[in-house]
Amino acid sequence: MDGQPFPKSELGRRLAQAKPADASALLEVSPTALLFGAWNSTGEGGGLGAKFPRALVSEIAAVGVSVEAIDNRTGEIEVRTAGRRTGSRIDPLGTLKKVRIYQAKDDANG
């Protein structure tokens, strides 16, 4: 930057010195980094510097969607909507590891 390596530039030094108590340099340059979280993983100490946890968390959940699965024993298609226990939490939608996806055919195109 301006003829010198970025970490040695004024902006690079300000960003390297940013801490959660004073993240003004990061706010000026990349406010989304504070929103989604950031850290300098290539800086001195191999990423042991200041870390800025995300301030925004989101989740998309579909409700009332049936999931079709094939019963391995009978070959029949089952529709499931009840939650199933996974390794980490109970999934309220009953999402399966293998879900069959059906594509509707357009009547005009056969």
Protein backbone atom coordinates (compact mmCIF):
# COMPACT_ATOMS: atom_id res chain seq x y z
CA MET A 1 0.00 0.00 0.00
CA ASP A 2 1.58 3.27 -1.14
CA GLY A 3 4.75 1.37 -2.07
CA GLN A 4 5.12 -0.63 1.15
CA PRO A 5 3.80 -3.95 2.46
CA PHE A 6 0.29 -3.55 3.84
CA PRO A 7 1.17 -4.64 7.42
CA LYS A 8 3.75 -1.83 7.56
CA SER A 9 1.39 0.84 6.21
CA GLU A 10 -0.39 3.20 8.60
CA LEU A 11 -3.72 1.48 7.98
CA GLY A 12 -2.18 -1.98 8.38
CA ARG A 13 -0.66 -1.01 11.74
CA ARG A 14 -3.94 0.52 12.94
CA LEU A 15 -5.84 -2.63 12.01
CA ALA A 16 -3.25 -4.85 13.73
CA GLN A 17 -3.60 -2.77 16.91
CA ALA A 18 -7.43 -2.90 16.91
CA LYS A 19 -8.92 -4.50 20.00
CA PRO A 20 -12.54 -5.21 20.98
CA ALA A 21 -12.32 -2.23 23.36
CA ASP A 22 -11.29 0.06 20.45
CA ALA A 23 -12.19 -1.26 17.01
CA SER A 24 -12.49 2.15 15.37
CA ALA A 25 -9.99 1.30 12.59
CA LEU A 26 -11.96 -1.82 11.71
CA LEU A 27 -15.22 0.12 11.85
CA GLU A 28 -13.84 2.70 9.41
CA VAL A 29 -12.43 0.20 6.91
CA SER A 30 -14.80 -2.76 7.14
CA PRO A 31 -17.87 -2.39 9.34
CA THR A 32 -19.18 -5.72 8.09
CA ALA A 33 -16.16 -7.41 9.72
CA LEU A 34 -17.57 -6.34 13.07
CA LEU A 35 -21.02 -7.56 12.08
CA PHE A 36 -19.95 -10.99 10.79
CA GLY A 37 -16.78 -11.44 12.90
CA ALA A 38 -13.10 -11.20 12.03
CA TRP A 39 -9.54 -11.85 13.19
CA ASN A 40 -6.10 -11.51 11.68
CA SER A 41 -5.12 -15.14 11.18
CA THR A 42 -1.88 -14.24 9.38
CA GLY A 43 -0.57 -11.64 11.82
CA GLU A 44 2.17 -11.93 14.38
CA GLY A 45 1.60 -14.84 16.71
CA GLY A 46 -0.23 -16.83 14.01
CA GLY A 47 -3.66 -15.42 14.68
CA LEU A 48 -3.35 -15.07 18.44
CA GLY A 49 -4.27 -11.37 18.29
CA ALA A 50 -7.62 -9.71 18.81
CA LYS A 51 -10.67 -11.61 17.65
CA PHE A 52 -13.98 -9.93 16.95
CA PRO A 53 -16.88 -12.35 17.40
CA ARG A 54 -19.87 -11.97 15.11
CA ALA A 55 -22.62 -9.66 16.29
CA LEU A 56 -25.20 -11.14 13.93
CA VAL A 57 -26.56 -14.66 14.02
CA SER A 58 -29.16 -16.00 11.62
CA GLU A 59 -30.91 -19.26 10.97
CA ILE A 60 -33.28 -20.34 8.23
CA ALA A 61 -35.94 -22.84 9.24
CA ALA A 62 -38.72 -24.31 7.14
CA VAL A 63 -41.88 -25.17 9.06
CA GLY A 64 -44.55 -27.65 8.04
CA VAL A 65 -42.53 -29.16 5.20
CA SER A 66 -42.92 -32.89 4.72
CA VAL A 67 -39.83 -34.95 4.14
CA GLU A 68 -40.09 -38.08 2.06
CA ALA A 69 -37.77 -40.95 2.83
CA ILE A 70 -37.47 -44.51 1.58
CA ASP A 71 -37.82 -47.23 4.20
CA ASN A 72 -34.75 -49.41 3.67
CA ARG A 73 -36.59 -52.54 4.78
CA THR A 74 -39.75 -52.25 2.65
CA GLY A 75 -38.80 -49.80 -0.10
CA GLU A 76 -41.92 -47.78 0.65
CA ILE A 77 -41.88 -44.00 0.66
CA GLU A 78 -42.61 -42.52 4.08
CA VAL A 79 -43.62 -38.93 4.75
CA ARG A 80 -42.15 -37.64 7.98
CA THR A 81 -42.75 -34.33 9.67
CA ALA A 82 -41.90 -35.14 13.29
CA GLY A 83 -38.52 -34.20 14.73
CA ARG A 84 -35.73 -36.73 14.72
CA ARG A 85 -32.80 -36.86 17.10
CA THR A 86 -29.48 -36.03 15.46
CA GLY A 87 -26.02 -36.25 16.94
CA SER A 88 -26.06 -32.70 18.25
CA ARG A 89 -29.66 -31.61 18.69
CA ILE A 90 -33.25 -32.54 18.00
CA ASP A 91 -34.18 -31.48 14.50
CA PRO A 92 -37.78 -30.19 14.61
CA LEU A 93 -38.18 -30.68 10.85
CA GLY A 94 -37.06 -34.29 10.66
CA THR A 95 -34.34 -33.53 8.12
CA LEU A 96 -32.75 -36.72 6.89
CA LYS A 97 -29.24 -37.46 5.66
CA LYS A 98 -30.67 -38.65 2.36
CA VAL A 99 -33.64 -36.73 1.04
CA ARG A 100 -35.23 -37.58 -2.30
CA ILE A 101 -35.76 -34.54 -4.47
CA TYR A 102 -38.57 -34.69 -6.98
CA GLN A 103 -38.69 -32.30 -9.91
CA ALA A 104 -42.14 -31.42 -11.18
CA LYS A 105 -42.52 -31.79 -14.94
CA ASP A 106 -43.87 -28.84 -16.84
CA ASP A 107 -47.16 -29.99 -18.46
CA ALA A 108 -46.47 -27.97 -21.64
CA ASN A 109 -42.99 -29.48 -22.09
CA GLY A 110 -43.83 -33.03 -21.03
